[in-house]
Amino acid sequence: RVALSLGGTPTLREGFTTDSGNQILDVSGLSITDAIALEKQLNNVPGVVTNGLFAVLPADVALLATQNGIRRL
């Protein structure tokens, strides 16, 4: 319902749960103009454990798998 109210189309990731047993919803079609505000709004929805925006606390390091091994950015 929340994804729909934000203009997105949610799809249950079939046959997959997190290591904690949670289901994953992939949401497409969102127009994100303020990622920090959206992340906070999503995290305040009852039942939402986390989301994949990572805008409030961005990553310090990115690890990329390459043909030559792991690249650290």
N, C-alpha and C. Protein backbone atom coordinates (compact mmCIF):
# COMPACT_ATOMS: atom_id res chain seq x y z
N ARG A 1 0.81 -1.20 0.00
CA ARG A 1 0.00 0.00 0.00
C ARG A 1 0.85 1.26 0.00
N VAL A 2 1.91 1.26 0.80
CA VAL A 2 2.76 2.45 0.86
C VAL A 2 3.41 2.71 -0.50
N ALA A 3 3.95 1.65 -1.13
CA ALA A 3 4.59 1.82 -2.43
C ALA A 3 3.61 2.38 -3.45
N LEU A 4 2.39 1.88 -3.41
CA LEU A 4 1.37 2.36 -4.35
C LEU A 4 1.04 3.82 -4.08
N SER A 5 0.96 4.19 -2.81
CA SER A 5 0.62 5.58 -2.48
C SER A 5 1.74 6.54 -2.88
N LEU A 6 2.96 6.02 -3.01
CA LEU A 6 4.09 6.84 -3.44
C LEU A 6 4.26 6.82 -4.95
N GLY A 7 3.44 6.06 -5.63
CA GLY A 7 3.51 6.00 -7.08
C GLY A 7 4.32 4.84 -7.63
N GLY A 8 4.75 3.94 -6.77
CA GLY A 8 5.56 2.81 -7.21
C GLY A 8 4.74 1.55 -7.43
N THR A 9 5.36 0.58 -8.09
CA THR A 9 4.74 -0.72 -8.33
C THR A 9 5.54 -1.78 -7.57
N PRO A 10 4.95 -2.34 -6.48
CA PRO A 10 5.67 -3.35 -5.71
C PRO A 10 5.54 -4.74 -6.32
N THR A 11 6.61 -5.51 -6.24
CA THR A 11 6.63 -6.90 -6.69
C THR A 11 7.33 -7.72 -5.62
N LEU A 12 6.65 -8.77 -5.15
CA LEU A 12 7.27 -9.67 -4.16
C LEU A 12 8.38 -10.45 -4.84
N ARG A 13 9.55 -10.49 -4.24
CA ARG A 13 10.66 -11.28 -4.78
C ARG A 13 10.38 -12.74 -4.43
N GLU A 14 9.82 -13.45 -5.38
CA GLU A 14 9.35 -14.82 -5.19
C GLU A 14 10.50 -15.78 -4.86
N GLY A 15 10.25 -16.66 -3.90
CA GLY A 15 11.21 -17.71 -3.59
C GLY A 15 12.46 -17.24 -2.89
N PHE A 16 12.41 -16.07 -2.31
CA PHE A 16 13.61 -15.54 -1.66
C PHE A 16 13.23 -14.84 -0.37
N THR A 17 13.95 -15.12 0.69
CA THR A 17 13.82 -14.40 1.96
C THR A 17 15.21 -14.01 2.42
N THR A 18 15.28 -13.03 3.30
CA THR A 18 16.56 -12.61 3.84
C THR A 18 17.07 -13.66 4.82
N ASP A 19 18.29 -13.50 5.28
CA ASP A 19 18.84 -14.44 6.25
C ASP A 19 18.09 -14.38 7.58
N SER A 20 17.30 -13.34 7.78
CA SER A 20 16.46 -13.24 8.98
C SER A 20 15.04 -13.73 8.73
N GLY A 21 14.78 -14.22 7.52
CA GLY A 21 13.47 -14.76 7.20
C GLY A 21 12.46 -13.73 6.73
N ASN A 22 12.90 -12.54 6.39
CA ASN A 22 12.00 -11.49 5.93
C ASN A 22 11.78 -11.57 4.42
N GLN A 23 10.59 -11.17 3.99
CA GLN A 23 10.30 -11.11 2.56
C GLN A 23 10.84 -9.80 1.99
N ILE A 24 11.06 -9.80 0.68
CA ILE A 24 11.58 -8.60 0.02
C ILE A 24 10.59 -8.14 -1.03
N LEU A 25 10.30 -6.85 -1.00
CA LEU A 25 9.49 -6.23 -2.04
C LEU A 25 10.41 -5.36 -2.89
N ASP A 26 10.40 -5.59 -4.19
CA ASP A 26 11.09 -4.72 -5.12
C ASP A 26 10.06 -3.71 -5.61
N VAL A 27 10.41 -2.43 -5.61
CA VAL A 27 9.48 -1.39 -6.03
C VAL A 27 10.08 -0.65 -7.22
N SER A 28 9.32 -0.60 -8.30
CA SER A 28 9.77 0.11 -9.49
C SER A 28 8.84 1.28 -9.77
N GLY A 29 9.31 2.19 -10.58
CA GLY A 29 8.47 3.30 -11.02
C GLY A 29 8.36 4.46 -10.06
N LEU A 30 9.23 4.52 -9.06
CA LEU A 30 9.21 5.66 -8.13
C LEU A 30 9.99 6.83 -8.71
N SER A 31 9.51 8.01 -8.48
CA SER A 31 10.25 9.22 -8.81
C SER A 31 10.82 9.73 -7.49
N ILE A 32 12.12 9.57 -7.31
CA ILE A 32 12.75 9.93 -6.04
C ILE A 32 13.42 11.29 -6.18
N THR A 33 12.83 12.29 -5.56
CA THR A 33 13.40 13.63 -5.61
C THR A 33 14.15 13.98 -4.32
N ASP A 34 13.83 13.29 -3.23
CA ASP A 34 14.49 13.52 -1.95
C ASP A 34 14.71 12.16 -1.29
N ALA A 35 15.84 11.54 -1.59
CA ALA A 35 16.12 10.18 -1.13
C ALA A 35 16.17 10.07 0.39
N ILE A 36 16.71 11.07 1.06
CA ILE A 36 16.80 11.03 2.52
C ILE A 36 15.41 11.04 3.14
N ALA A 37 14.54 11.91 2.67
CA ALA A 37 13.17 11.97 3.19
C ALA A 37 12.42 10.68 2.90
N LEU A 38 12.59 10.12 1.71
CA LEU A 38 11.91 8.87 1.36
C LEU A 38 12.40 7.72 2.22
N GLU A 39 13.70 7.65 2.45
CA GLU A 39 14.24 6.59 3.30
C GLU A 39 13.66 6.68 4.71
N LYS A 40 13.61 7.88 5.25
CA LYS A 40 13.04 8.05 6.60
C LYS A 40 11.56 7.67 6.62
N GLN A 41 10.82 8.06 5.58
CA GLN A 41 9.39 7.73 5.49
C GLN A 41 9.20 6.21 5.42
N LEU A 42 9.98 5.54 4.60
CA LEU A 42 9.86 4.08 4.48
C LEU A 42 10.22 3.38 5.78
N ASN A 43 11.26 3.84 6.45
CA ASN A 43 11.67 3.20 7.70
C ASN A 43 10.68 3.41 8.83
N ASN A 44 9.76 4.36 8.69
CA ASN A 44 8.73 4.59 9.70
C ASN A 44 7.45 3.79 9.44
N VAL A 45 7.43 3.01 8.36
CA VAL A 45 6.27 2.17 8.05
C VAL A 45 6.35 0.90 8.91
N PRO A 46 5.29 0.60 9.67
CA PRO A 46 5.30 -0.63 10.47
C PRO A 46 5.55 -1.86 9.60
N GLY A 47 6.50 -2.69 10.02
CA GLY A 47 6.81 -3.91 9.28
C GLY A 47 8.00 -3.77 8.36
N VAL A 48 8.39 -2.55 8.02
CA VAL A 48 9.56 -2.36 7.17
C VAL A 48 10.80 -2.51 8.04
N VAL A 49 11.67 -3.45 7.67
CA VAL A 49 12.90 -3.68 8.44
C VAL A 49 13.99 -2.74 7.97
N THR A 50 14.13 -2.61 6.67
CA THR A 50 15.11 -1.71 6.08
C THR A 50 14.75 -1.48 4.62
N ASN A 51 15.49 -0.62 3.96
CA ASN A 51 15.27 -0.39 2.54
C ASN A 51 16.63 -0.27 1.87
N GLY A 52 16.65 -0.21 0.57
CA GLY A 52 17.91 -0.19 -0.16
C GLY A 52 18.36 1.17 -0.64
N LEU A 53 17.86 2.25 -0.04
CA LEU A 53 18.26 3.57 -0.50
C LEU A 53 19.63 4.00 0.04
N PHE A 54 19.91 3.74 1.29
CA PHE A 54 21.19 4.09 1.92
C PHE A 54 21.55 5.56 1.74
N ALA A 55 20.55 6.44 1.87
CA ALA A 55 20.78 7.87 1.69
C ALA A 55 21.12 8.57 2.99
N VAL A 56 20.52 8.13 4.10
CA VAL A 56 20.76 8.77 5.40
C VAL A 56 22.19 8.51 5.86
N LEU A 57 22.62 7.27 5.78
CA LEU A 57 23.99 6.88 6.13
C LEU A 57 24.61 6.21 4.91
N PRO A 58 25.20 6.98 4.01
CA PRO A 58 25.76 6.38 2.80
C PRO A 58 26.96 5.49 3.11
N ALA A 59 27.29 4.64 2.19
CA ALA A 59 28.41 3.72 2.36
C ALA A 59 29.73 4.47 2.40
N ASP A 60 30.66 3.96 3.20
CA ASP A 60 32.01 4.51 3.26
C ASP A 60 32.91 3.84 2.23
N VAL A 61 32.57 2.58 1.90
CA VAL A 61 33.40 1.78 1.01
C VAL A 61 32.49 0.98 0.09
N ALA A 62 32.92 0.83 -1.15
CA ALA A 62 32.22 -0.06 -2.09
C ALA A 62 33.20 -1.14 -2.51
N LEU A 63 32.77 -2.40 -2.46
CA LEU A 63 33.60 -3.51 -2.90
C LEU A 63 33.00 -4.05 -4.19
N LEU A 64 33.79 -4.05 -5.25
CA LEU A 64 33.33 -4.50 -6.56
C LEU A 64 34.06 -5.76 -6.96
N ALA A 65 33.30 -6.77 -7.38
CA ALA A 65 33.92 -7.99 -7.88
C ALA A 65 34.28 -7.77 -9.35
N THR A 66 35.54 -7.98 -9.69
CA THR A 66 36.01 -7.82 -11.06
C THR A 66 36.69 -9.11 -11.51
N GLN A 67 37.04 -9.18 -12.77
CA GLN A 67 37.76 -10.36 -13.28
C GLN A 67 39.13 -10.49 -12.65
N ASN A 68 39.65 -9.39 -12.11
CA ASN A 68 40.97 -9.39 -11.48
C ASN A 68 40.92 -9.44 -9.97
N GLY A 69 39.76 -9.76 -9.42
CA GLY A 69 39.60 -9.81 -7.97
C GLY A 69 38.70 -8.70 -7.46
N ILE A 70 38.79 -8.43 -6.18
CA ILE A 70 37.94 -7.42 -5.55
C ILE A 70 38.60 -6.06 -5.65
N ARG A 71 37.80 -5.08 -6.07
CA ARG A 71 38.28 -3.69 -6.15
C ARG A 71 37.59 -2.90 -5.06
N ARG A 72 38.36 -2.18 -4.27
CA ARG A 72 37.84 -1.38 -3.17
C ARG A 72 37.80 0.09 -3.57
N LEU A 73 36.63 0.71 -3.46
CA LEU A 73 36.49 2.12 -3.78
C LEU A 73 36.17 2.90 -2.52
